[in-house]
Structure formats: structure tokens, C-alpha cells
Amino acid sequence: MSRIVVFGAGGNAGRRAVAEAVTRGHRVTAVVRDAAKHRQLAAEGVTLVEGDVTEAGSVAAVAAGHDAVISTVFRADVAPADFYGEVSRALVAGLTEAGVSRLVAVGVGTALEAAPGVAVHDSPGFPEEYRQFSIGHSVENDVYRASALDWVVVTPPPTVLDADAERTGSYRVGGPGVLPTEEGAPAFSYADLAVALVDVATRDDHHREVIAVG
């Protein structure tokens, strides 16, 4: 049994990661900005707490005594590069202070490589209105690369994920490039993204890398 912190536990990926981890028998600390809005997360095996993932002190206080951290955070009201830069720096500093080295973060598919060394968001014709969000995740990845943490960025495909599909427990894994699309395959689901997040957080298969899942 592992002790896992999930930041952004109230979101699409976060709440499913909490449920997935608890179902497997892990102890979970679910971190949200406003606990009153997410009372449904409180359950056997889950400790619901408020925390600020952009503040290293808050990260350290929440993460102390845990084995791994999963970050699924998102803010629509802050510039992506600013937000994910603050998040990644606070996670690195806070987890280092807390003595927790294992970090698993959700990436964005448009920051994966469309060709070696070329991100999807740098491909010709990529919509400018989505580019800044993708670049924000690239900033985050660079901060992790410069750290001593045992980090993994788990990155779903560059498409809209299915929020309604049931968990299959099955997914593919690749490197930093976009996984080839199988014709007729259904959209990747948040439920199976959660499976991948908990797998990576609790296993020893991946270290200090960006991986694609789908």
C-alpha cells in the first residue's frame, strides 16, 4: 500500500485518480483549493485537505510522509506559462523539503513531439489560441528536467478526452512523441488516464521522462 497525494483532486483527471488509487487499497490525500466544494471526495481511504500547489510551503506540508505525488492541476484564469511555471517550481521545492521524490504530472498532448525535436504546438498551422496553454506545459517539463526529483510526465493524446467512458484498465505507452492513432479507436478516457497515473506513481517502470499514453 502506498500513500499518495493528488493535487487538483477535484478535476476530471484528479477525482478519477483518487478513486483509482483508493480502489487499489492505497491511502490518498486529496488536495483542493476549497474543500467545501468537493466534499464528495471524502471517503474511506481519502483525506480531503486544502492546499496551494503554487506555494512550496503548502506542498511540503501536504506531501510530508507520503510516497508519491500526482499532479493534475489546471487553472483557466491564469496565464499557462505563469501558472505551470509556479506549480512546477513549488512542487520541486516543496517535495524536496518534504523528502518525497516521486512525482507524476499530467502533461498535454500538444506538447508531445510530432517529429523528433518538434512539438505538436510548433507544427505548421497549429492554432495560436491553443499554443500558449501547450507552451505552459513545456515550461513545467523543463523545470522538472532541471530538478533532482524522480518525475514522470504522463501525457494523453492531443485530443479531447472522453469524460463519460468506463474504465477499461488498458492503455498504450510510448515515449515523448505522439502515439500513432488506430483507425476507429475510441477517444482515450479520463478513467484510463487515471489508471496510467496510478500505475506510474506506484511502479518502477519510468523515471525522469515524458511518456505518451493512449
N, C-alpha and C. Protein backbone atom coordinates (compact mmCIF):
# COMPACT_ATOMS: atom_id res chain seq x y z
N MET A 1 0.84 -1.20 0.00
CA MET A 1 0.00 0.00 0.00
C MET A 1 0.87 1.24 0.00
N SER A 2 0.57 2.19 -0.86
CA SER A 2 1.30 3.44 -0.92
C SER A 2 0.46 4.58 -0.36
N ARG A 3 1.14 5.64 0.02
CA ARG A 3 0.48 6.87 0.46
C ARG A 3 0.69 7.90 -0.65
N ILE A 4 -0.41 8.32 -1.25
CA ILE A 4 -0.34 9.14 -2.46
C ILE A 4 -1.06 10.46 -2.25
N VAL A 5 -0.43 11.55 -2.66
CA VAL A 5 -1.07 12.86 -2.69
C VAL A 5 -1.55 13.13 -4.11
N VAL A 6 -2.78 13.61 -4.25
CA VAL A 6 -3.28 14.03 -5.56
C VAL A 6 -3.62 15.52 -5.49
N PHE A 7 -2.83 16.34 -6.18
CA PHE A 7 -3.14 17.76 -6.32
C PHE A 7 -4.10 17.94 -7.50
N GLY A 8 -5.06 18.84 -7.34
CA GLY A 8 -6.08 19.01 -8.36
C GLY A 8 -7.11 17.90 -8.30
N ALA A 9 -7.38 17.42 -7.09
CA ALA A 9 -8.22 16.24 -6.90
C ALA A 9 -9.67 16.45 -7.29
N GLY A 10 -10.10 17.69 -7.47
CA GLY A 10 -11.49 17.94 -7.83
C GLY A 10 -11.76 17.96 -9.32
N GLY A 11 -10.71 17.86 -10.15
CA GLY A 11 -10.89 17.94 -11.60
C GLY A 11 -11.18 16.60 -12.24
N ASN A 12 -11.33 16.61 -13.56
CA ASN A 12 -11.66 15.40 -14.30
C ASN A 12 -10.65 14.28 -14.08
N ALA A 13 -9.38 14.60 -14.22
CA ALA A 13 -8.34 13.58 -14.01
C ALA A 13 -8.11 13.32 -12.54
N GLY A 14 -8.14 14.37 -11.73
CA GLY A 14 -7.82 14.23 -10.32
C GLY A 14 -8.77 13.35 -9.55
N ARG A 15 -10.06 13.58 -9.73
CA ARG A 15 -11.02 12.79 -8.94
C ARG A 15 -11.01 11.33 -9.36
N ARG A 16 -10.70 11.07 -10.63
CA ARG A 16 -10.60 9.69 -11.07
C ARG A 16 -9.31 9.03 -10.57
N ALA A 17 -8.25 9.80 -10.47
CA ALA A 17 -7.01 9.26 -9.90
C ALA A 17 -7.21 8.92 -8.43
N VAL A 18 -7.93 9.76 -7.71
CA VAL A 18 -8.24 9.47 -6.30
C VAL A 18 -9.00 8.16 -6.20
N ALA A 19 -10.06 8.02 -6.98
CA ALA A 19 -10.89 6.82 -6.93
C ALA A 19 -10.10 5.58 -7.33
N GLU A 20 -9.27 5.71 -8.36
CA GLU A 20 -8.46 4.57 -8.82
C GLU A 20 -7.49 4.11 -7.74
N ALA A 21 -6.82 5.06 -7.11
CA ALA A 21 -5.85 4.71 -6.08
C ALA A 21 -6.52 4.06 -4.87
N VAL A 22 -7.64 4.60 -4.45
CA VAL A 22 -8.35 4.05 -3.29
C VAL A 22 -8.86 2.64 -3.58
N THR A 23 -9.37 2.44 -4.79
CA THR A 23 -9.86 1.12 -5.17
C THR A 23 -8.76 0.06 -5.07
N ARG A 24 -7.53 0.48 -5.30
CA ARG A 24 -6.40 -0.46 -5.22
C ARG A 24 -5.86 -0.62 -3.80
N GLY A 25 -6.43 0.09 -2.86
CA GLY A 25 -6.02 -0.06 -1.48
C GLY A 25 -4.99 0.93 -0.99
N HIS A 26 -4.70 1.95 -1.81
CA HIS A 26 -3.75 2.98 -1.39
C HIS A 26 -4.44 4.01 -0.50
N ARG A 27 -3.67 4.67 0.32
CA ARG A 27 -4.17 5.78 1.12
C ARG A 27 -3.92 7.07 0.33
N VAL A 28 -4.94 7.90 0.23
CA VAL A 28 -4.87 9.07 -0.63
C VAL A 28 -5.16 10.35 0.15
N THR A 29 -4.32 11.36 -0.07
CA THR A 29 -4.62 12.70 0.38
C THR A 29 -5.05 13.51 -0.84
N ALA A 30 -6.30 13.91 -0.87
CA ALA A 30 -6.87 14.65 -1.99
C ALA A 30 -6.78 16.14 -1.69
N VAL A 31 -6.04 16.87 -2.52
CA VAL A 31 -5.78 18.28 -2.27
C VAL A 31 -6.59 19.15 -3.23
N VAL A 32 -7.34 20.09 -2.67
CA VAL A 32 -8.16 21.02 -3.46
C VAL A 32 -7.98 22.42 -2.88
N ARG A 33 -8.40 23.43 -3.62
CA ARG A 33 -8.31 24.80 -3.11
C ARG A 33 -9.42 25.11 -2.11
N ASP A 34 -10.60 24.53 -2.33
CA ASP A 34 -11.75 24.79 -1.47
C ASP A 34 -12.43 23.47 -1.15
N ALA A 35 -12.18 22.95 0.04
CA ALA A 35 -12.70 21.64 0.41
C ALA A 35 -14.23 21.62 0.45
N ALA A 36 -14.85 22.76 0.76
CA ALA A 36 -16.31 22.80 0.85
C ALA A 36 -16.97 22.47 -0.48
N LYS A 37 -16.28 22.70 -1.58
CA LYS A 37 -16.83 22.43 -2.90
C LYS A 37 -16.63 20.99 -3.34
N HIS A 38 -15.85 20.22 -2.58
CA HIS A 38 -15.51 18.87 -3.03
C HIS A 38 -15.70 17.85 -1.92
N ARG A 39 -16.74 18.01 -1.14
CA ARG A 39 -16.99 17.09 -0.03
C ARG A 39 -17.19 15.65 -0.51
N GLN A 40 -17.62 15.50 -1.77
CA GLN A 40 -17.87 14.17 -2.28
C GLN A 40 -16.59 13.33 -2.37
N LEU A 41 -15.43 13.98 -2.31
CA LEU A 41 -14.17 13.24 -2.37
C LEU A 41 -13.86 12.53 -1.05
N ALA A 42 -14.40 13.05 0.03
CA ALA A 42 -14.12 12.46 1.34
C ALA A 42 -14.76 11.08 1.42
N ALA A 43 -13.96 10.07 1.66
CA ALA A 43 -14.44 8.69 1.72
C ALA A 43 -13.42 7.87 2.48
N GLU A 44 -13.75 6.63 2.72
CA GLU A 44 -12.79 5.75 3.38
C GLU A 44 -11.53 5.64 2.53
N GLY A 45 -10.40 5.87 3.16
CA GLY A 45 -9.13 5.82 2.44
C GLY A 45 -8.69 7.15 1.88
N VAL A 46 -9.55 8.18 1.99
CA VAL A 46 -9.23 9.50 1.43
C VAL A 46 -9.24 10.55 2.53
N THR A 47 -8.18 11.35 2.58
CA THR A 47 -8.13 12.51 3.45
C THR A 47 -8.24 13.75 2.57
N LEU A 48 -9.29 14.52 2.74
CA LEU A 48 -9.52 15.72 1.93
C LEU A 48 -8.93 16.92 2.64
N VAL A 49 -8.03 17.64 1.96
CA VAL A 49 -7.38 18.80 2.56
C VAL A 49 -7.34 19.96 1.57
N GLU A 50 -7.20 21.16 2.08
CA GLU A 50 -6.98 22.33 1.24
C GLU A 50 -5.48 22.58 1.13
N GLY A 51 -5.04 23.00 -0.03
CA GLY A 51 -3.64 23.30 -0.24
C GLY A 51 -3.45 24.16 -1.46
N ASP A 52 -2.28 24.78 -1.55
CA ASP A 52 -1.95 25.65 -2.67
C ASP A 52 -0.72 25.09 -3.37
N VAL A 53 -0.93 24.53 -4.54
CA VAL A 53 0.16 23.87 -5.27
C VAL A 53 1.16 24.87 -5.84
N THR A 54 0.87 26.16 -5.75
CA THR A 54 1.84 27.16 -6.21
C THR A 54 2.72 27.67 -5.07
N GLU A 55 2.52 27.16 -3.86
CA GLU A 55 3.31 27.57 -2.71
C GLU A 55 4.10 26.39 -2.17
N ALA A 56 5.42 26.51 -2.18
CA ALA A 56 6.27 25.39 -1.78
C ALA A 56 5.99 24.94 -0.35
N GLY A 57 5.72 25.87 0.55
CA GLY A 57 5.43 25.52 1.94
C GLY A 57 4.18 24.69 2.06
N SER A 58 3.16 25.04 1.31
CA SER A 58 1.92 24.27 1.32
C SER A 58 2.15 22.88 0.75
N VAL A 59 2.88 22.80 -0.34
CA VAL A 59 3.21 21.50 -0.95
C VAL A 59 3.94 20.62 0.05
N ALA A 60 4.95 21.18 0.73
CA ALA A 60 5.74 20.41 1.68
C ALA A 60 4.88 19.91 2.83
N ALA A 61 4.01 20.76 3.34
CA ALA A 61 3.17 20.38 4.48
C ALA A 61 2.21 19.25 4.11
N VAL A 62 1.65 19.31 2.93
CA VAL A 62 0.70 18.29 2.50
C VAL A 62 1.41 16.98 2.16
N ALA A 63 2.57 17.08 1.52
CA ALA A 63 3.23 15.89 0.99
C ALA A 63 4.04 15.11 2.02
N ALA A 64 4.39 15.72 3.14
CA ALA A 64 5.23 15.05 4.13
C ALA A 64 4.64 13.71 4.54
N GLY A 65 5.47 12.69 4.54
CA GLY A 65 5.03 11.36 4.96
C GLY A 65 4.40 10.53 3.87
N HIS A 66 4.35 11.03 2.65
CA HIS A 66 3.77 10.28 1.54
C HIS A 66 4.86 9.65 0.66
N ASP A 67 4.43 8.72 -0.18
CA ASP A 67 5.36 8.01 -1.05
C ASP A 67 5.44 8.60 -2.45
N ALA A 68 4.36 9.21 -2.90
CA ALA A 68 4.32 9.73 -4.27
C ALA A 68 3.29 10.84 -4.36
N VAL A 69 3.47 11.68 -5.37
CA VAL A 69 2.55 12.78 -5.63
C VAL A 69 2.10 12.71 -7.08
N ILE A 70 0.80 12.90 -7.28
CA ILE A 70 0.23 13.02 -8.62
C ILE A 70 -0.32 14.43 -8.76
N SER A 71 0.10 15.13 -9.81
CA SER A 71 -0.38 16.50 -10.05
C SER A 71 -1.25 16.52 -11.31
N THR A 72 -2.50 16.93 -11.12
CA THR A 72 -3.45 17.01 -12.24
C THR A 72 -4.03 18.42 -12.34
N VAL A 73 -3.29 19.41 -11.87
CA VAL A 73 -3.84 20.75 -11.67
C VAL A 73 -4.07 21.50 -12.98
N PHE A 74 -5.03 22.42 -12.91
CA PHE A 74 -5.41 23.26 -14.06
C PHE A 74 -6.03 24.54 -13.55
N ARG A 75 -5.67 25.67 -14.19
CA ARG A 75 -6.31 26.95 -13.91
C ARG A 75 -6.60 27.63 -15.23
N ALA A 76 -7.84 28.06 -15.41
CA ALA A 76 -8.21 28.75 -16.65
C ALA A 76 -8.04 30.25 -16.53
N ASP A 77 -7.84 30.75 -15.30
CA ASP A 77 -7.83 32.20 -15.08
C ASP A 77 -6.42 32.77 -14.89
N VAL A 78 -5.39 31.95 -15.15
CA VAL A 78 -4.01 32.39 -15.01
C VAL A 78 -3.27 32.02 -16.29
N ALA A 79 -2.38 32.90 -16.76
CA ALA A 79 -1.60 32.61 -17.96
C ALA A 79 -0.88 31.27 -17.79
N PRO A 80 -1.01 30.35 -18.76
CA PRO A 80 -0.48 29.00 -18.58
C PRO A 80 1.00 28.93 -18.22
N ALA A 81 1.84 29.72 -18.89
CA ALA A 81 3.27 29.67 -18.58
C ALA A 81 3.53 30.14 -17.15
N ASP A 82 2.80 31.15 -16.71
CA ASP A 82 2.95 31.62 -15.33
C ASP A 82 2.47 30.56 -14.34
N PHE A 83 1.29 30.00 -14.61
CA PHE A 83 0.72 29.03 -13.68
C PHE A 83 1.58 27.77 -13.59
N TYR A 84 1.87 27.16 -14.72
CA TYR A 84 2.62 25.90 -14.67
C TYR A 84 4.08 26.12 -14.27
N GLY A 85 4.60 27.30 -14.52
CA GLY A 85 5.93 27.62 -14.00
C GLY A 85 5.92 27.68 -12.49
N GLU A 86 4.92 28.37 -11.92
CA GLU A 86 4.80 28.45 -10.46
C GLU A 86 4.55 27.08 -9.85
N VAL A 87 3.68 26.31 -10.47
CA VAL A 87 3.35 24.97 -9.96
C VAL A 87 4.59 24.09 -9.92
N SER A 88 5.30 24.03 -11.03
CA SER A 88 6.46 23.13 -11.10
C SER A 88 7.55 23.54 -10.14
N ARG A 89 7.80 24.84 -10.01
CA ARG A 89 8.84 25.29 -9.08
C ARG A 89 8.44 25.01 -7.63
N ALA A 90 7.15 25.21 -7.32
CA ALA A 90 6.68 24.94 -5.96
C ALA A 90 6.72 23.44 -5.66
N LEU A 91 6.36 22.61 -6.62
CA LEU A 91 6.42 21.17 -6.42
C LEU A 91 7.85 20.71 -6.19
N VAL A 92 8.77 21.20 -6.99
CA VAL A 92 10.17 20.79 -6.82
C VAL A 92 10.69 21.20 -5.45
N ALA A 93 10.46 22.45 -5.08
CA ALA A 93 10.96 22.93 -3.78
C ALA A 93 10.24 22.24 -2.62
N GLY A 94 8.91 22.14 -2.71
CA GLY A 94 8.13 21.57 -1.62
C GLY A 94 8.38 20.09 -1.43
N LEU A 95 8.45 19.33 -2.51
CA LEU A 95 8.69 17.90 -2.39
C LEU A 95 10.11 17.61 -1.92
N THR A 96 11.05 18.44 -2.34
CA THR A 96 12.42 18.29 -1.84
C THR A 96 12.46 18.51 -0.34
N GLU A 97 11.77 19.55 0.11
CA GLU A 97 11.72 19.83 1.56
C GLU A 97 11.05 18.69 2.32
N ALA A 98 10.00 18.11 1.73
CA ALA A 98 9.26 17.04 2.39
C ALA A 98 9.94 15.69 2.29
N GLY A 99 10.96 15.59 1.45
CA GLY A 99 11.65 14.31 1.28
C GLY A 99 10.87 13.32 0.43
N VAL A 100 10.02 13.82 -0.47
CA VAL A 100 9.25 12.98 -1.38
C VAL A 100 9.81 13.19 -2.78
N SER A 101 10.33 12.13 -3.40
CA SER A 101 10.98 12.32 -4.70
C SER A 101 10.12 11.92 -5.88
N ARG A 102 9.12 11.07 -5.68
CA ARG A 102 8.34 10.56 -6.81
C ARG A 102 7.20 11.51 -7.16
N LEU A 103 7.25 12.06 -8.37
CA LEU A 103 6.24 12.99 -8.85
C LEU A 103 5.74 12.54 -10.21
N VAL A 104 4.44 12.44 -10.34
CA VAL A 104 3.81 12.11 -11.61
C VAL A 104 2.86 13.25 -11.96
N ALA A 105 3.07 13.87 -13.12
CA ALA A 105 2.26 15.01 -13.53
C ALA A 105 1.56 14.70 -14.84
N VAL A 106 0.37 15.24 -15.01
CA VAL A 106 -0.35 15.10 -16.28
C VAL A 106 0.18 16.14 -17.26
N GLY A 107 0.56 15.68 -18.43
CA GLY A 107 1.01 16.60 -19.47
C GLY A 107 -0.13 16.90 -20.44
N VAL A 108 0.20 17.63 -21.50
CA VAL A 108 -0.78 17.94 -22.54
C VAL A 108 -0.24 17.40 -23.86
N GLY A 109 -1.13 16.75 -24.62
CA GLY A 109 -0.69 16.06 -25.82
C GLY A 109 -0.05 16.94 -26.87
N THR A 110 -0.43 18.22 -26.92
CA THR A 110 0.14 19.11 -27.92
C THR A 110 1.58 19.50 -27.63
N ALA A 111 2.08 19.15 -26.43
CA ALA A 111 3.49 19.37 -26.12
C ALA A 111 4.34 18.16 -26.47
N LEU A 112 3.70 17.06 -26.86
CA LEU A 112 4.45 15.90 -27.34
C LEU A 112 5.10 16.23 -28.68
N GLU A 113 6.01 15.38 -29.11
CA GLU A 113 6.71 15.60 -30.37
C GLU A 113 5.90 15.06 -31.54
N ALA A 114 5.65 15.92 -32.54
CA ALA A 114 5.05 15.48 -33.78
C ALA A 114 6.10 14.86 -34.69
N ALA A 115 7.33 15.31 -34.53
CA ALA A 115 8.52 14.78 -35.20
C ALA A 115 9.66 14.97 -34.21
N PRO A 116 10.75 14.24 -34.37
CA PRO A 116 11.85 14.37 -33.40
C PRO A 116 12.27 15.82 -33.18
N GLY A 117 12.13 16.28 -31.95
CA GLY A 117 12.54 17.63 -31.60
C GLY A 117 11.54 18.71 -31.94
N VAL A 118 10.38 18.35 -32.50
CA VAL A 118 9.38 19.34 -32.89
C VAL A 118 8.07 19.03 -32.18
N ALA A 119 7.66 19.93 -31.27
CA ALA A 119 6.40 19.73 -30.56
C ALA A 119 5.22 19.93 -31.49
N VAL A 120 4.12 19.30 -31.15
CA VAL A 120 2.90 19.48 -31.93
C VAL A 120 2.55 20.96 -32.02
N HIS A 121 2.73 21.70 -30.92
CA HIS A 121 2.34 23.12 -30.93
C HIS A 121 3.27 23.99 -31.79
N ASP A 122 4.38 23.41 -32.26
CA ASP A 122 5.28 24.13 -33.16
C ASP A 122 5.11 23.69 -34.61
N SER A 123 4.15 22.82 -34.87
CA SER A 123 3.90 22.35 -36.22
C SER A 123 3.20 23.43 -37.04
N PRO A 124 3.44 23.47 -38.34
CA PRO A 124 2.77 24.47 -39.18
C PRO A 124 1.26 24.37 -39.08
N GLY A 125 0.62 25.53 -38.93
CA GLY A 125 -0.83 25.57 -38.89
C GLY A 125 -1.44 25.28 -37.55
N PHE A 126 -0.63 25.07 -36.51
CA PHE A 126 -1.22 24.81 -35.20
C PHE A 126 -1.95 26.06 -34.72
N PRO A 127 -3.17 25.91 -34.21
CA PRO A 127 -3.96 27.09 -33.80
C PRO A 127 -3.28 27.89 -32.69
N GLU A 128 -3.11 29.16 -32.92
CA GLU A 128 -2.42 30.02 -31.97
C GLU A 128 -3.15 30.11 -30.64
N GLU A 129 -4.48 30.01 -30.66
CA GLU A 129 -5.24 30.15 -29.42
C GLU A 129 -5.00 29.01 -28.44
N TYR A 130 -4.46 27.89 -28.92
CA TYR A 130 -4.16 26.77 -28.03
C TYR A 130 -2.67 26.66 -27.70
N ARG A 131 -1.87 27.44 -28.39
CA ARG A 131 -0.42 27.28 -28.29
C ARG A 131 0.11 27.68 -26.91
N GLN A 132 -0.41 28.75 -26.33
CA GLN A 132 0.11 29.22 -25.06
C GLN A 132 -0.11 28.21 -23.93
N PHE A 133 -1.26 27.54 -23.97
CA PHE A 133 -1.52 26.52 -22.95
C PHE A 133 -0.51 25.38 -23.07
N SER A 134 -0.22 24.98 -24.30
CA SER A 134 0.73 23.90 -24.52
C SER A 134 2.14 24.32 -24.11
N ILE A 135 2.51 25.55 -24.44
CA ILE A 135 3.84 26.05 -24.07
C ILE A 135 3.98 26.10 -22.55
N GLY A 136 2.89 26.43 -21.86
CA GLY A 136 2.93 26.42 -20.40
C GLY A 136 3.34 25.07 -19.85
N HIS A 137 2.83 24.00 -20.44
CA HIS A 137 3.23 22.66 -20.00
C HIS A 137 4.69 22.37 -20.35
N SER A 138 5.17 22.90 -21.46
CA SER A 138 6.57 22.72 -21.80
C SER A 138 7.48 23.40 -20.78
N VAL A 139 7.06 24.56 -20.30
CA VAL A 139 7.80 25.25 -19.24
C VAL A 139 7.88 24.36 -18.00
N GLU A 140 6.76 23.78 -17.64
CA GLU A 140 6.71 22.87 -16.49
C GLU A 140 7.68 21.70 -16.68
N ASN A 141 7.66 21.10 -17.86
CA ASN A 141 8.55 19.96 -18.12
C ASN A 141 10.01 20.35 -17.97
N ASP A 142 10.36 21.55 -18.42
CA ASP A 142 11.75 22.00 -18.31
C ASP A 142 12.18 22.16 -16.86
N VAL A 143 11.28 22.63 -16.01
CA VAL A 143 11.60 22.76 -14.58
C VAL A 143 11.87 21.39 -13.97
N TYR A 144 11.05 20.40 -14.32
CA TYR A 144 11.27 19.06 -13.78
C TYR A 144 12.60 18.49 -14.27
N ARG A 145 12.94 18.71 -15.53
CA ARG A 145 14.20 18.19 -16.06
C ARG A 145 15.40 18.74 -15.31
N ALA A 146 15.29 19.98 -14.85
CA ALA A 146 16.41 20.61 -14.14
C ALA A 146 16.47 20.22 -12.67
N SER A 147 15.47 19.48 -12.19
CA SER A 147 15.39 19.12 -10.77
C SER A 147 16.03 17.76 -10.51
N ALA A 148 16.10 17.40 -9.24
CA ALA A 148 16.60 16.08 -8.84
C ALA A 148 15.46 15.12 -8.53
N LEU A 149 14.22 15.52 -8.75
CA LEU A 149 13.08 14.66 -8.47
C LEU A 149 13.04 13.46 -9.42
N ASP A 150 12.39 12.40 -8.98
CA ASP A 150 12.12 11.24 -9.81
C ASP A 150 10.76 11.46 -10.46
N TRP A 151 10.73 12.28 -11.49
CA TRP A 151 9.49 12.75 -12.09
C TRP A 151 9.13 11.96 -13.35
N VAL A 152 7.86 11.91 -13.66
CA VAL A 152 7.36 11.40 -14.94
C VAL A 152 6.17 12.26 -15.34
N VAL A 153 6.16 12.72 -16.57
CA VAL A 153 5.01 13.45 -17.10
C VAL A 153 4.23 12.49 -17.99
N VAL A 154 3.03 12.13 -17.55
CA VAL A 154 2.17 11.19 -18.26
C VAL A 154 1.24 12.01 -19.17
N THR A 155 1.36 11.79 -20.48
CA THR A 155 0.73 12.69 -21.44
C THR A 155 -0.28 11.98 -22.32
N PRO A 156 -1.55 12.34 -22.21
CA PRO A 156 -2.58 11.74 -23.06
C PRO A 156 -2.50 12.29 -24.48
N PRO A 157 -3.27 11.74 -25.40
CA PRO A 157 -3.22 12.21 -26.80
C PRO A 157 -3.66 13.66 -26.94
N PRO A 158 -3.25 14.31 -28.04
CA PRO A 158 -3.63 15.71 -28.27
C PRO A 158 -5.05 15.84 -28.82
N THR A 159 -5.98 15.28 -28.09
CA THR A 159 -7.40 15.33 -28.44
C THR A 159 -8.20 15.54 -27.16
N VAL A 160 -9.49 15.76 -27.30
CA VAL A 160 -10.36 15.87 -26.13
C VAL A 160 -10.58 14.47 -25.54
N LEU A 161 -10.35 14.33 -24.24
CA LEU A 161 -10.54 13.03 -23.60
C LEU A 161 -12.01 12.78 -23.32
N ASP A 162 -12.37 11.50 -23.27
CA ASP A 162 -13.75 11.10 -23.02
C ASP A 162 -14.00 11.10 -21.51
N ALA A 163 -14.90 11.96 -21.07
CA ALA A 163 -15.19 12.06 -19.64
C ALA A 163 -16.26 11.08 -19.19
N ASP A 164 -16.90 10.39 -20.12
CA ASP A 164 -18.02 9.51 -19.78
C ASP A 164 -17.70 8.02 -19.90
N ALA A 165 -16.65 7.69 -20.65
CA ALA A 165 -16.35 6.28 -20.91
C ALA A 165 -15.97 5.55 -19.63
N GLU A 166 -16.33 4.30 -19.56
CA GLU A 166 -15.99 3.46 -18.42
C GLU A 166 -14.51 3.09 -18.46
N ARG A 167 -13.98 2.79 -17.31
CA ARG A 167 -12.60 2.32 -17.18
C ARG A 167 -12.44 0.97 -17.87
N THR A 168 -11.41 0.85 -18.73
CA THR A 168 -11.08 -0.45 -19.32
C THR A 168 -9.86 -1.07 -18.64
N GLY A 169 -9.01 -0.20 -18.06
CA GLY A 169 -7.78 -0.68 -17.43
C GLY A 169 -6.68 -0.96 -18.43
N SER A 170 -6.92 -0.63 -19.69
CA SER A 170 -5.95 -0.91 -20.75
C SER A 170 -5.52 0.38 -21.42
N TYR A 171 -4.24 0.50 -21.70
CA TYR A 171 -3.73 1.68 -22.40
C TYR A 171 -2.37 1.35 -23.02
N ARG A 172 -1.97 2.16 -23.98
CA ARG A 172 -0.66 2.01 -24.61
C ARG A 172 0.30 3.05 -24.04
N VAL A 173 1.58 2.74 -24.10
CA VAL A 173 2.60 3.66 -23.59
C VAL A 173 3.66 3.87 -24.66
N GLY A 174 4.09 5.11 -24.83
CA GLY A 174 5.17 5.42 -25.75
C GLY A 174 6.15 6.39 -25.13
N GLY A 175 7.00 6.93 -25.96
CA GLY A 175 7.99 7.90 -25.49
C GLY A 175 7.45 9.31 -25.57
N PRO A 176 8.30 10.28 -25.91
CA PRO A 176 7.87 11.68 -25.92
C PRO A 176 7.11 12.11 -27.18
N GLY A 177 6.93 11.19 -28.11
CA GLY A 177 6.21 11.51 -29.34
C GLY A 177 4.76 11.08 -29.28
N VAL A 178 3.95 11.68 -30.14
CA VAL A 178 2.53 11.33 -30.22
C VAL A 178 2.39 9.87 -30.65
N LEU A 179 1.56 9.12 -29.96
CA LEU A 179 1.32 7.73 -30.34
C LEU A 179 0.52 7.67 -31.63
N PRO A 180 0.85 6.73 -32.52
CA PRO A 180 0.05 6.58 -33.75
C PRO A 180 -1.41 6.29 -33.41
N THR A 181 -2.30 6.86 -34.18
CA THR A 181 -3.73 6.67 -33.96
C THR A 181 -4.22 5.45 -34.71
N GLU A 182 -4.94 4.59 -33.99
CA GLU A 182 -5.53 3.42 -34.63
C GLU A 182 -6.90 3.80 -35.20
N GLU A 183 -7.12 3.52 -36.47
CA GLU A 183 -8.38 3.89 -37.12
C GLU A 183 -9.56 3.25 -36.41
N GLY A 184 -10.54 4.08 -36.10
CA GLY A 184 -11.74 3.58 -35.45
C GLY A 184 -11.63 3.41 -33.95
N ALA A 185 -10.46 3.71 -33.39
CA ALA A 185 -10.29 3.56 -31.94
C ALA A 185 -11.07 4.65 -31.22
N PRO A 186 -11.67 4.34 -30.07
CA PRO A 186 -12.40 5.36 -29.32
C PRO A 186 -11.45 6.38 -28.72
N ALA A 187 -11.99 7.52 -28.33
CA ALA A 187 -11.17 8.54 -27.66
C ALA A 187 -10.65 7.99 -26.33
N PHE A 188 -9.44 8.37 -25.98
CA PHE A 188 -8.87 7.96 -24.70
C PHE A 188 -9.69 8.59 -23.58
N SER A 189 -9.87 7.86 -22.51
CA SER A 189 -10.76 8.32 -21.44
C SER A 189 -9.99 8.83 -20.23
N TYR A 190 -10.64 9.70 -19.48
CA TYR A 190 -10.08 10.13 -18.20
C TYR A 190 -9.93 8.95 -17.24
N ALA A 191 -10.85 7.99 -17.33
CA ALA A 191 -10.79 6.84 -16.43
C ALA A 191 -9.52 6.03 -16.66
N ASP A 192 -9.14 5.84 -17.93
CA ASP A 192 -7.92 5.08 -18.20
C ASP A 192 -6.66 5.93 -18.01
N LEU A 193 -6.78 7.24 -18.17
CA LEU A 193 -5.67 8.11 -17.80
C LEU A 193 -5.37 7.94 -16.31
N ALA A 194 -6.40 7.85 -15.49
CA ALA A 194 -6.21 7.65 -14.05
C ALA A 194 -5.51 6.34 -13.77
N VAL A 195 -5.85 5.30 -14.51
CA VAL A 195 -5.17 4.01 -14.35
C VAL A 195 -3.67 4.19 -14.60
N ALA A 196 -3.33 4.88 -15.70
CA ALA A 196 -1.93 5.10 -16.04
C ALA A 196 -1.22 5.91 -14.96
N LEU A 197 -1.87 6.95 -14.45
CA LEU A 197 -1.25 7.80 -13.43
C LEU A 197 -0.90 7.00 -12.18
N VAL A 198 -1.83 6.19 -11.72
CA VAL A 198 -1.58 5.41 -10.50
C VAL A 198 -0.56 4.32 -10.77
N ASP A 199 -0.61 3.71 -11.95
CA ASP A 199 0.42 2.72 -12.30
C ASP A 199 1.81 3.33 -12.22
N VAL A 200 1.98 4.47 -12.86
CA VAL A 200 3.30 5.10 -12.91
C VAL A 200 3.74 5.55 -11.52
N ALA A 201 2.82 6.05 -10.73
CA ALA A 201 3.15 6.52 -9.38
C ALA A 201 3.61 5.40 -8.46
N THR A 202 3.14 4.19 -8.70
CA THR A 202 3.38 3.10 -7.75
C THR A 202 4.31 2.01 -8.29
N ARG A 203 4.73 2.16 -9.54
CA ARG A 203 5.63 1.17 -10.13
C ARG A 203 6.99 1.77 -10.42
N ASP A 204 7.90 0.93 -10.88
CA ASP A 204 9.29 1.35 -11.07
C ASP A 204 9.68 1.33 -12.54
N ASP A 205 8.70 1.51 -13.44
CA ASP A 205 8.96 1.35 -14.87
C ASP A 205 9.51 2.60 -15.57
N HIS A 206 9.18 3.78 -15.05
CA HIS A 206 9.54 5.03 -15.72
C HIS A 206 10.17 6.00 -14.74
N HIS A 207 11.18 6.71 -15.21
CA HIS A 207 11.89 7.66 -14.36
C HIS A 207 12.37 8.85 -15.19
N ARG A 208 12.11 10.06 -14.72
CA ARG A 208 12.65 11.28 -15.29
C ARG A 208 12.44 11.34 -16.81
N GLU A 209 11.17 11.23 -17.22
CA GLU A 209 10.88 11.24 -18.65
C GLU A 209 9.44 11.66 -18.91
N VAL A 210 9.22 12.12 -20.13
CA VAL A 210 7.88 12.38 -20.64
C VAL A 210 7.44 11.15 -21.39
N ILE A 211 6.26 10.61 -21.05
CA ILE A 211 5.74 9.46 -21.77
C ILE A 211 4.36 9.80 -22.32
N ALA A 212 4.04 9.21 -23.45
CA ALA A 212 2.71 9.33 -24.04
C ALA A 212 1.89 8.11 -23.66
N VAL A 213 0.62 8.33 -23.37
CA VAL A 213 -0.29 7.21 -23.15
C VAL A 213 -1.51 7.41 -24.03
N GLY A 214 -2.16 6.30 -24.38
CA GLY A 214 -3.32 6.42 -25.24
C GLY A 214 -4.03 5.08 -25.36
